[in-house]
Structure formats: C-alpha cells, structure tokens
Amino acid sequence: MPKNPKQSSAKMAKLASETLRTPKASATAKSLAASALAQSSTGKETSAAMEAKAGQVLQSNKYSADTKALAASLVSQSNKARGEWS
C-alpha cells in the first residue's frame, strides 16, 4: 500500500498540542490530538482504528468543535486505498 504524503497543518498541530496540554480534555480528544501531532512532521499516516474513531466523533453531537476539527483533519489524511472496494 502506498504511503499517504498528507500531513497535519501547522494550525492543526498547534490545536493538537494545546489539546494534549489541557487537563480537562477528554481521552478521545487527546487520542485524536496525539495522532494529528504525530502526522505534523513525519511520514506517518492515519491508522484504520484512528480513522474509525475520527468518523465516530464526526457523527456524534457530544464532542466540541475543536475535537471535531482534529477528527476531520485525520479523516482528510486517511489512506484512500484502504477505503476502496475491490
């Protein structure tokens, strides 16, 4: 499977960093933030499990706009080949 060259933007990396430093941030928000931050300056790509978690966040009404922004960033960086039907 080819590598996904997309990376988190500086704005998303900053939001991710702030989320990780916020004591009251949820475990889900911190998980998404860690993934986004890991992708900000490396060749790493969103895992299938993280794609699924991000998708659940985007479909839920219980998460903040910042958490949804992190989720959307991860989904936009997902490996398109993984989602294709054969």
N, C-alpha and C. Protein backbone atom coordinates (compact mmCIF):
# COMPACT_ATOMS: atom_id res chain seq x y z
N MET A 1 0.84 -1.17 0.00
CA MET A 1 0.00 0.00 0.00
C MET A 1 0.90 1.24 0.00
N PRO A 2 0.65 2.22 -0.88
CA PRO A 2 1.49 3.40 -0.94
C PRO A 2 1.31 4.28 0.29
N LYS A 3 2.36 5.03 0.61
CA LYS A 3 2.31 5.95 1.74
C LYS A 3 1.45 7.16 1.40
N ASN A 4 0.80 7.71 2.39
CA ASN A 4 -0.02 8.90 2.23
C ASN A 4 0.85 10.11 2.54
N PRO A 5 1.09 11.01 1.58
CA PRO A 5 2.00 12.13 1.81
C PRO A 5 1.39 13.30 2.59
N LYS A 6 0.11 13.24 2.91
CA LYS A 6 -0.53 14.36 3.60
C LYS A 6 -0.03 14.46 5.03
N GLN A 7 0.06 15.70 5.51
CA GLN A 7 0.50 15.95 6.89
C GLN A 7 -0.44 16.96 7.53
N SER A 8 -0.48 16.93 8.86
CA SER A 8 -1.28 17.91 9.59
C SER A 8 -0.70 19.30 9.37
N SER A 9 -1.56 20.28 9.25
CA SER A 9 -1.12 21.66 9.07
C SER A 9 -0.56 22.21 10.38
N ALA A 10 0.11 23.33 10.29
CA ALA A 10 0.65 23.97 11.50
C ALA A 10 -0.49 24.35 12.45
N LYS A 11 -1.61 24.77 11.88
CA LYS A 11 -2.77 25.15 12.71
C LYS A 11 -3.30 23.93 13.47
N MET A 12 -3.40 22.79 12.80
CA MET A 12 -3.88 21.57 13.46
C MET A 12 -2.86 21.07 14.48
N ALA A 13 -1.59 21.20 14.16
CA ALA A 13 -0.54 20.78 15.10
C ALA A 13 -0.61 21.62 16.38
N LYS A 14 -0.87 22.92 16.22
CA LYS A 14 -0.98 23.80 17.39
C LYS A 14 -2.20 23.41 18.22
N LEU A 15 -3.33 23.18 17.55
CA LEU A 15 -4.54 22.76 18.26
C LEU A 15 -4.31 21.43 18.98
N ALA A 16 -3.62 20.51 18.32
CA ALA A 16 -3.32 19.21 18.92
C ALA A 16 -2.46 19.38 20.17
N SER A 17 -1.44 20.22 20.06
CA SER A 17 -0.55 20.47 21.19
C SER A 17 -1.32 21.07 22.37
N GLU A 18 -2.17 22.04 22.07
CA GLU A 18 -2.97 22.67 23.13
C GLU A 18 -3.92 21.66 23.77
N THR A 19 -4.49 20.80 22.98
CA THR A 19 -5.41 19.78 23.49
C THR A 19 -4.68 18.82 24.42
N LEU A 20 -3.49 18.41 24.03
CA LEU A 20 -2.72 17.48 24.87
C LEU A 20 -2.31 18.12 26.20
N ARG A 21 -2.18 19.44 26.23
CA ARG A 21 -1.79 20.13 27.46
C ARG A 21 -2.99 20.55 28.32
N THR A 22 -4.20 20.33 27.81
CA THR A 22 -5.40 20.71 28.55
C THR A 22 -5.82 19.57 29.46
N PRO A 23 -5.74 19.79 30.77
CA PRO A 23 -6.07 18.71 31.72
C PRO A 23 -7.50 18.17 31.58
N LYS A 24 -8.44 19.02 31.21
CA LYS A 24 -9.84 18.59 31.14
C LYS A 24 -10.24 18.02 29.78
N ALA A 25 -9.30 17.94 28.84
CA ALA A 25 -9.62 17.37 27.52
C ALA A 25 -9.94 15.88 27.68
N SER A 26 -10.90 15.42 26.91
CA SER A 26 -11.30 14.01 27.01
C SER A 26 -10.21 13.09 26.46
N ALA A 27 -10.30 11.84 26.82
CA ALA A 27 -9.34 10.85 26.31
C ALA A 27 -9.44 10.74 24.79
N THR A 28 -10.64 10.85 24.27
CA THR A 28 -10.83 10.80 22.82
C THR A 28 -10.14 11.98 22.15
N ALA A 29 -10.34 13.17 22.70
CA ALA A 29 -9.71 14.37 22.14
C ALA A 29 -8.20 14.24 22.17
N LYS A 30 -7.67 13.74 23.28
CA LYS A 30 -6.22 13.59 23.40
C LYS A 30 -5.68 12.53 22.44
N SER A 31 -6.44 11.49 22.22
CA SER A 31 -6.04 10.45 21.28
C SER A 31 -5.98 11.00 19.86
N LEU A 32 -7.01 11.73 19.46
CA LEU A 32 -7.02 12.36 18.14
C LEU A 32 -5.89 13.37 18.01
N ALA A 33 -5.67 14.15 19.08
CA ALA A 33 -4.61 15.15 19.07
C ALA A 33 -3.24 14.51 18.91
N ALA A 34 -3.02 13.42 19.61
CA ALA A 34 -1.72 12.74 19.51
C ALA A 34 -1.48 12.23 18.10
N SER A 35 -2.52 11.69 17.48
CA SER A 35 -2.39 11.20 16.12
C SER A 35 -2.11 12.34 15.15
N ALA A 36 -2.85 13.44 15.29
CA ALA A 36 -2.64 14.60 14.41
C ALA A 36 -1.24 15.17 14.58
N LEU A 37 -0.78 15.25 15.83
CA LEU A 37 0.54 15.79 16.09
C LEU A 37 1.63 14.88 15.52
N ALA A 38 1.43 13.58 15.60
CA ALA A 38 2.40 12.63 15.06
C ALA A 38 2.52 12.77 13.55
N GLN A 39 1.46 13.24 12.92
CA GLN A 39 1.46 13.38 11.47
C GLN A 39 1.87 14.78 11.00
N SER A 40 2.21 15.65 11.92
CA SER A 40 2.51 17.02 11.53
C SER A 40 3.87 17.19 10.87
N SER A 41 4.80 16.33 11.17
CA SER A 41 6.13 16.50 10.58
C SER A 41 6.79 15.17 10.24
N THR A 42 5.98 14.14 10.08
CA THR A 42 6.52 12.82 9.77
C THR A 42 5.78 12.22 8.58
N GLY A 43 6.21 11.10 8.13
CA GLY A 43 5.55 10.39 7.03
C GLY A 43 4.47 9.44 7.52
N LYS A 44 4.13 9.51 8.80
CA LYS A 44 3.12 8.61 9.35
C LYS A 44 1.75 8.92 8.78
N GLU A 45 0.90 7.91 8.72
CA GLU A 45 -0.45 8.09 8.22
C GLU A 45 -1.46 7.64 9.26
N THR A 46 -2.69 8.08 9.09
CA THR A 46 -3.77 7.74 10.00
C THR A 46 -4.04 6.24 9.94
N SER A 47 -4.08 5.59 11.10
CA SER A 47 -4.36 4.16 11.15
C SER A 47 -5.85 3.91 10.91
N ALA A 48 -6.18 2.69 10.57
CA ALA A 48 -7.58 2.32 10.35
C ALA A 48 -8.40 2.53 11.62
N ALA A 49 -7.84 2.19 12.76
CA ALA A 49 -8.55 2.35 14.02
C ALA A 49 -8.80 3.83 14.32
N MET A 50 -7.82 4.67 14.04
CA MET A 50 -7.97 6.11 14.29
C MET A 50 -8.96 6.72 13.29
N GLU A 51 -8.97 6.22 12.06
CA GLU A 51 -9.95 6.68 11.08
C GLU A 51 -11.37 6.39 11.59
N ALA A 52 -11.56 5.20 12.13
CA ALA A 52 -12.87 4.80 12.65
C ALA A 52 -13.27 5.68 13.82
N LYS A 53 -12.34 5.94 14.74
CA LYS A 53 -12.63 6.78 15.89
C LYS A 53 -12.98 8.20 15.44
N ALA A 54 -12.22 8.73 14.49
CA ALA A 54 -12.48 10.07 13.98
C ALA A 54 -13.85 10.14 13.32
N GLY A 55 -14.21 9.11 12.59
CA GLY A 55 -15.52 9.06 11.96
C GLY A 55 -16.65 9.07 12.97
N GLN A 56 -16.47 8.35 14.07
CA GLN A 56 -17.48 8.32 15.13
C GLN A 56 -17.63 9.69 15.78
N VAL A 57 -16.50 10.37 15.98
CA VAL A 57 -16.52 11.71 16.57
C VAL A 57 -17.30 12.67 15.66
N LEU A 58 -17.04 12.59 14.37
CA LEU A 58 -17.70 13.50 13.44
C LEU A 58 -19.22 13.26 13.37
N GLN A 59 -19.65 12.05 13.64
CA GLN A 59 -21.07 11.74 13.58
C GLN A 59 -21.81 11.97 14.90
N SER A 60 -21.06 12.29 15.94
CA SER A 60 -21.65 12.47 17.27
C SER A 60 -21.88 13.95 17.57
N ASN A 61 -22.86 14.21 18.41
CA ASN A 61 -23.15 15.58 18.84
C ASN A 61 -22.47 15.93 20.16
N LYS A 62 -21.79 14.98 20.78
CA LYS A 62 -21.28 15.22 22.13
C LYS A 62 -19.86 15.80 22.17
N TYR A 63 -19.21 15.97 21.01
CA TYR A 63 -17.84 16.45 21.00
C TYR A 63 -17.76 17.93 20.61
N SER A 64 -16.73 18.60 21.11
CA SER A 64 -16.54 20.03 20.85
C SER A 64 -16.10 20.27 19.40
N ALA A 65 -16.18 21.51 19.01
CA ALA A 65 -15.75 21.90 17.65
C ALA A 65 -14.26 21.61 17.45
N ASP A 66 -13.45 21.82 18.49
CA ASP A 66 -12.01 21.54 18.37
C ASP A 66 -11.75 20.05 18.18
N THR A 67 -12.46 19.22 18.92
CA THR A 67 -12.29 17.77 18.78
C THR A 67 -12.73 17.33 17.39
N LYS A 68 -13.82 17.90 16.90
CA LYS A 68 -14.28 17.57 15.55
C LYS A 68 -13.30 18.06 14.49
N ALA A 69 -12.65 19.19 14.73
CA ALA A 69 -11.65 19.70 13.78
C ALA A 69 -10.47 18.73 13.69
N LEU A 70 -10.03 18.22 14.83
CA LEU A 70 -8.94 17.24 14.83
C LEU A 70 -9.38 15.97 14.10
N ALA A 71 -10.60 15.54 14.36
CA ALA A 71 -11.12 14.33 13.70
C ALA A 71 -11.19 14.54 12.19
N ALA A 72 -11.66 15.69 11.77
CA ALA A 72 -11.78 15.98 10.33
C ALA A 72 -10.41 16.00 9.68
N SER A 73 -9.42 16.53 10.38
CA SER A 73 -8.06 16.56 9.85
C SER A 73 -7.54 15.15 9.63
N LEU A 74 -7.80 14.27 10.59
CA LEU A 74 -7.34 12.89 10.46
C LEU A 74 -8.05 12.15 9.33
N VAL A 75 -9.34 12.38 9.20
CA VAL A 75 -10.09 11.72 8.13
C VAL A 75 -9.59 12.22 6.77
N SER A 76 -9.27 13.50 6.69
CA SER A 76 -8.79 14.04 5.41
C SER A 76 -7.42 13.47 5.03
N GLN A 77 -6.71 12.96 6.02
CA GLN A 77 -5.40 12.38 5.77
C GLN A 77 -5.44 10.86 5.68
N SER A 78 -6.64 10.30 5.70
CA SER A 78 -6.75 8.85 5.68
C SER A 78 -6.24 8.28 4.37
N ASN A 79 -5.87 7.03 4.44
CA ASN A 79 -5.33 6.33 3.27
C ASN A 79 -6.50 5.93 2.38
N LYS A 80 -6.62 6.61 1.25
CA LYS A 80 -7.76 6.38 0.36
C LYS A 80 -7.80 4.94 -0.16
N ALA A 81 -6.65 4.33 -0.36
CA ALA A 81 -6.59 2.96 -0.87
C ALA A 81 -7.23 1.98 0.11
N ARG A 82 -7.15 2.29 1.40
CA ARG A 82 -7.73 1.40 2.41
C ARG A 82 -9.25 1.38 2.31
N GLY A 83 -9.84 2.48 1.86
CA GLY A 83 -11.30 2.58 1.80
C GLY A 83 -11.89 2.13 0.48
N GLU A 84 -11.07 1.76 -0.48
CA GLU A 84 -11.59 1.37 -1.79
C GLU A 84 -12.11 -0.06 -1.77
N TRP A 85 -13.16 -0.30 -2.50
CA TRP A 85 -13.71 -1.65 -2.63
C TRP A 85 -13.03 -2.36 -3.77
N SER A 86 -12.76 -3.63 -3.60
CA SER A 86 -12.10 -4.37 -4.66
C SER A 86 -13.10 -5.12 -5.51
